């Protein structure tokens, strides 16, 4: 190790990471991709939109856990979606899980499958925004028990 490197301290993790985009910023990015205003995306714009929407749904779920059950945030997303039924009710939890699964599938490239259509992406975008609003409201109400 050289002498000039020994005295330096590494920056803390939170200082090295950039700020996490808000859910609204994720929806704005998806809107730009859907509108065709992002020309650098080329042929991957539809899959990029799927990833961004999936991240928005995951972030909405993460924010709910931060308010209600912080330990659940460390679980895999599939487990979080199962636990969601206790806080959001079985119907909303099932809808969120279905859209998350569709976005996950659309985001991964498979040679034998077509990329998602603009219509599908716009529908998922609307649903994701509704889910984010519903989950934000749940954080202010008592847990739903089946």
Protein backbone atom coordinates (compact mmCIF):
# COMPACT_ATOMS: atom_id res chain seq x y z
CA UNK A 1 0.00 0.00 0.00
CA UNK A 2 1.33 3.44 -0.80
CA UNK A 3 1.78 6.08 1.86
CA UNK A 4 -0.82 8.46 0.42
CA UNK A 5 -3.60 5.85 0.64
CA UNK A 6 -3.03 4.80 4.26
CA UNK A 7 -4.29 8.01 5.82
CA UNK A 8 -7.51 8.17 3.81
CA UNK A 9 -10.74 6.83 5.16
CA UNK A 10 -13.32 5.19 2.96
CA UNK A 11 -16.56 7.12 2.60
CA UNK A 12 -19.51 5.65 4.44
CA UNK A 13 -21.96 3.54 2.41
CA UNK A 14 -24.71 6.12 2.52
CA UNK A 15 -22.31 8.76 1.26
CA UNK A 16 -21.24 6.59 -1.69
CA UNK A 17 -24.75 5.69 -2.79
CA UNK A 18 -26.83 8.11 -4.75
CA UNK A 19 -30.26 9.03 -3.44
CA UNK A 20 -33.02 6.55 -4.23
CA UNK A 21 -35.50 7.92 -6.77
CA UNK A 22 -38.99 8.49 -5.44
CA UNK A 23 -41.91 6.44 -6.69
CA UNK A 24 -43.18 9.50 -8.55
CA UNK A 25 -39.79 9.90 -10.26
CA UNK A 26 -39.94 6.26 -11.33
CA UNK A 27 -43.39 6.83 -12.85
CA UNK A 28 -42.08 9.94 -14.63
CA UNK A 29 -39.23 7.89 -16.12
CA UNK A 30 -41.69 5.22 -17.27
CA UNK A 31 -43.89 7.93 -18.81
CA UNK A 32 -40.92 9.30 -20.78
CA UNK A 33 -40.14 5.83 -22.11
CA UNK A 34 -43.78 5.21 -23.02
CA UNK A 35 -44.03 8.58 -24.77
CA UNK A 36 -40.92 7.85 -26.83
CA UNK A 37 -39.04 10.90 -25.55
CA UNK A 38 -36.09 8.75 -24.44
CA UNK A 39 -34.33 8.01 -27.70
CA UNK A 40 -31.26 6.32 -26.19
CA UNK A 41 -33.27 3.29 -25.03
CA UNK A 42 -33.37 1.76 -28.49
CA UNK A 43 -35.03 -1.63 -28.68
CA UNK A 44 -34.99 -2.22 -24.92
CA UNK A 45 -37.35 0.59 -23.94
CA UNK A 46 -40.27 -1.75 -23.22
CA UNK A 47 -38.23 -3.99 -20.94
CA UNK A 48 -36.69 -0.94 -19.27
CA UNK A 49 -40.20 0.37 -18.63
CA UNK A 50 -41.14 -2.99 -17.10
CA UNK A 51 -38.14 -2.85 -14.76
CA UNK A 52 -38.90 0.71 -13.69
CA UNK A 53 -42.55 -0.11 -12.97
CA UNK A 54 -41.56 -3.22 -11.04
CA UNK A 55 -39.14 -1.13 -8.96
CA UNK A 56 -41.94 1.36 -8.25
CA UNK A 57 -44.21 -1.43 -6.98
CA UNK A 58 -41.39 -2.87 -4.87
CA UNK A 59 -40.60 0.55 -3.44
CA UNK A 60 -44.25 1.10 -2.49
CA UNK A 61 -44.22 -2.25 -0.66
CA UNK A 62 -40.88 -1.34 1.00
CA UNK A 63 -42.31 1.95 2.22
CA UNK A 64 -45.30 0.16 3.73
CA UNK A 65 -42.98 -2.20 5.62
CA UNK A 66 -40.88 0.74 6.83
CA UNK A 67 -44.03 2.15 8.47
CA UNK A 68 -45.57 -1.11 9.69
CA UNK A 69 -43.25 -4.14 9.78
CA UNK A 70 -39.61 -3.16 9.15
CA UNK A 71 -38.36 -6.75 9.54
CA UNK A 72 -40.35 -7.84 6.46
CA UNK A 73 -38.24 -5.62 4.21
CA UNK A 74 -35.40 -8.15 4.56
CA UNK A 75 -37.51 -10.99 3.12
CA UNK A 76 -37.59 -11.90 -0.58
CA UNK A 77 -40.25 -10.00 -2.53
CA UNK A 78 -42.41 -13.10 -3.05
CA UNK A 79 -42.59 -13.56 0.73
CA UNK A 80 -43.37 -9.87 1.17
CA UNK A 81 -46.22 -10.17 -1.31
CA UNK A 82 -47.62 -13.11 0.66
CA UNK A 83 -47.41 -11.12 3.91
CA UNK A 84 -49.07 -8.17 2.21
CA UNK A 85 -52.47 -9.87 2.41
CA UNK A 86 -52.46 -9.35 6.20
CA UNK A 87 -51.98 -5.60 5.81
CA UNK A 88 -53.70 -4.79 2.51
CA UNK A 89 -56.33 -7.50 2.36
CA UNK A 90 -56.36 -10.56 0.11
CA UNK A 91 -57.82 -8.88 -2.98
CA UNK A 92 -55.41 -5.94 -3.19
CA UNK A 93 -52.46 -8.18 -2.28
CA UNK A 94 -53.40 -10.63 -5.06
CA UNK A 95 -53.69 -7.80 -7.61
CA UNK A 96 -50.30 -6.39 -6.61
CA UNK A 97 -48.70 -9.84 -6.78
CA UNK A 98 -50.22 -10.48 -10.22
CA UNK A 99 -48.90 -7.20 -11.66
CA UNK A 100 -45.49 -7.67 -10.00
CA UNK A 101 -45.26 -11.15 -11.54
CA UNK A 102 -46.28 -9.86 -14.98
CA UNK A 103 -43.71 -7.05 -14.76
CA UNK A 104 -41.02 -9.51 -13.64
CA UNK A 105 -41.76 -11.78 -16.55
CA UNK A 106 -41.86 -8.90 -19.04
CA UNK A 107 -38.61 -7.43 -17.77
CA UNK A 108 -36.60 -10.58 -18.47
CA UNK A 109 -35.61 -11.18 -22.06
CA UNK A 110 -36.53 -14.51 -23.59
CA UNK A 111 -35.83 -15.14 -27.28
CA UNK A 112 -39.13 -16.96 -27.72
CA UNK A 113 -41.34 -14.25 -26.20
CA UNK A 114 -42.38 -10.89 -27.52
CA UNK A 115 -41.65 -7.78 -25.51
CA UNK A 116 -44.68 -6.27 -23.74
CA UNK A 117 -46.87 -4.00 -25.84
CA UNK A 118 -47.42 -0.31 -25.17
CA UNK A 119 -51.00 -1.10 -24.16
CA UNK A 120 -49.86 -3.64 -21.56
CA UNK A 121 -47.21 -1.28 -20.23
CA UNK A 122 -49.66 1.61 -19.91
CA UNK A 123 -52.16 -0.60 -18.08
CA UNK A 124 -49.44 -1.84 -15.70
CA UNK A 125 -48.29 1.73 -15.17
CA UNK A 126 -51.83 2.82 -14.16
CA UNK A 127 -52.22 -0.18 -11.88
CA UNK A 128 -48.82 0.38 -10.27
CA UNK A 129 -49.72 3.98 -9.50
CA UNK A 130 -53.05 2.88 -7.97
CA UNK A 131 -51.23 0.28 -5.86
CA UNK A 132 -48.67 2.81 -4.65
CA UNK A 133 -51.45 5.17 -3.55
CA UNK A 134 -53.37 2.36 -1.84
CA UNK A 135 -50.28 1.14 0.01
CA UNK A 136 -49.42 4.69 1.10
CA UNK A 137 -52.92 5.01 2.58
CA UNK A 138 -52.61 1.66 4.38
CA UNK A 139 -49.69 2.92 6.38
CA UNK A 140 -52.05 5.28 8.16
CA UNK A 141 -54.73 2.70 9.05
CA UNK A 142 -54.78 -0.42 11.27
CA UNK A 143 -53.75 -3.77 9.77
CA UNK A 144 -56.41 -5.82 7.97
CA UNK A 145 -56.83 -9.32 9.38
CA UNK A 146 -58.61 -11.97 7.26
